[in-house]
Amino acid sequence: MALSLLQKFKLAFRDFGVSLHKLFLQITGFLFATFGGFLLLRGYQHLGNSEESGFKYYFIMAAFLIFGILMLGFGIQSLYRLRSMK
């Protein structure tokens, strides 16, 4: 009886969990892709407007580039993973 009840509970709420996971992937994918694109855009603007040089300048540019690419890549991967889910 208890096993049967547990199986019924899993069957009833399995689709809810899958839908919640898909919603999470959509939201995180969109936010990370947006933030990554924003970081890359701001880094490019900073590159064009700045006349500095030195370690601090290169560190800031590398941080913009690395974090921008990582966040954009994670956002695209999250959205791609969502499309491949059944």
Protein backbone atom coordinates (compact mmCIF):
# COMPACT_ATOMS: atom_id res chain seq x y z
CA MET A 1 0.00 0.00 0.00
CA ALA A 2 2.74 2.49 0.97
CA LEU A 3 4.84 1.66 -2.07
CA SER A 4 1.87 2.11 -4.30
CA LEU A 5 1.09 5.48 -2.72
CA LEU A 6 4.70 6.63 -3.17
CA GLN A 7 4.63 5.61 -6.82
CA LYS A 8 1.41 7.56 -7.34
CA PHE A 9 2.98 10.63 -5.71
CA LYS A 10 6.05 10.41 -7.98
CA LEU A 11 3.87 10.01 -11.03
CA ALA A 12 1.74 13.00 -10.10
CA PHE A 13 4.63 15.40 -9.42
CA ARG A 14 7.25 14.20 -11.93
CA ASP A 15 6.00 16.53 -14.66
CA PHE A 16 5.96 19.44 -12.22
CA GLY A 17 9.64 18.86 -11.42
CA VAL A 18 10.59 18.65 -15.09
CA SER A 19 8.68 21.85 -15.87
CA LEU A 20 10.31 23.63 -12.92
CA HIS A 21 13.76 22.50 -14.13
CA LYS A 22 13.04 23.78 -17.65
CA LEU A 23 11.90 27.14 -16.25
CA PHE A 24 15.10 27.36 -14.19
CA LEU A 25 17.22 26.66 -17.28
CA GLN A 26 15.36 29.30 -19.28
CA ILE A 27 15.75 31.98 -16.64
CA THR A 28 19.42 31.29 -15.87
CA GLY A 29 20.28 30.93 -19.55
CA PHE A 30 18.69 34.25 -20.42
CA LEU A 31 20.21 36.10 -17.45
CA PHE A 32 23.71 34.73 -17.95
CA ALA A 33 23.61 35.37 -21.71
CA THR A 34 22.41 38.93 -21.06
CA PHE A 35 25.04 39.64 -18.40
CA GLY A 36 27.79 38.05 -20.52
CA GLY A 37 26.84 40.15 -23.54
CA PHE A 38 26.70 43.26 -21.36
CA LEU A 39 30.15 42.54 -19.93
CA LEU A 40 31.64 42.03 -23.37
CA LEU A 41 30.02 45.23 -24.63
CA ARG A 42 31.23 47.27 -21.64
CA GLY A 43 34.73 45.81 -22.02
CA TYR A 44 34.77 46.81 -25.67
CA GLN A 45 33.59 50.33 -24.79
CA HIS A 46 36.22 50.56 -22.05
CA LEU A 47 38.87 49.48 -24.55
CA GLY A 48 37.92 52.23 -26.99
CA ASN A 49 37.58 55.03 -24.43
CA SER A 50 40.64 54.38 -22.30
CA GLU A 51 44.13 55.65 -23.04
CA GLU A 52 45.70 53.84 -20.10
CA SER A 53 48.24 51.06 -20.08
CA GLY A 54 49.85 48.95 -17.42
CA PHE A 55 48.98 45.95 -15.30
CA LYS A 56 45.72 47.32 -13.90
CA TYR A 57 44.39 48.14 -17.38
CA TYR A 58 45.27 44.70 -18.78
CA PHE A 59 43.84 42.98 -15.70
CA ILE A 60 40.52 44.82 -16.08
CA MET A 61 40.37 44.02 -19.80
CA ALA A 62 41.17 40.35 -19.17
CA ALA A 63 38.49 40.18 -16.46
CA PHE A 64 35.88 41.68 -18.79
CA LEU A 65 36.85 39.25 -21.54
CA ILE A 66 37.08 36.10 -19.42
CA PHE A 67 33.93 36.63 -17.36
CA GLY A 68 31.98 37.87 -20.35
CA ILE A 69 32.83 34.81 -22.43
CA LEU A 70 32.19 32.43 -19.52
CA MET A 71 28.81 33.93 -18.71
CA LEU A 72 27.74 34.12 -22.35
CA GLY A 73 28.88 30.54 -22.91
CA PHE A 74 27.04 29.26 -19.85
CA GLY A 75 23.87 31.07 -20.93
CA ILE A 76 24.01 29.60 -24.42
CA GLN A 77 24.78 26.14 -23.04
CA SER A 78 21.86 26.37 -20.63
CA LEU A 79 19.47 27.36 -23.41
CA TYR A 80 20.86 24.61 -25.66
CA ARG A 81 20.43 22.05 -22.89
CA LEU A 82 16.83 23.16 -22.52
CA ARG A 83 16.15 22.54 -26.22
CA SER A 84 17.64 19.05 -26.04
CA MET A 85 15.42 18.02 -23.10
CA LYS A 86 12.35 15.97 -23.81
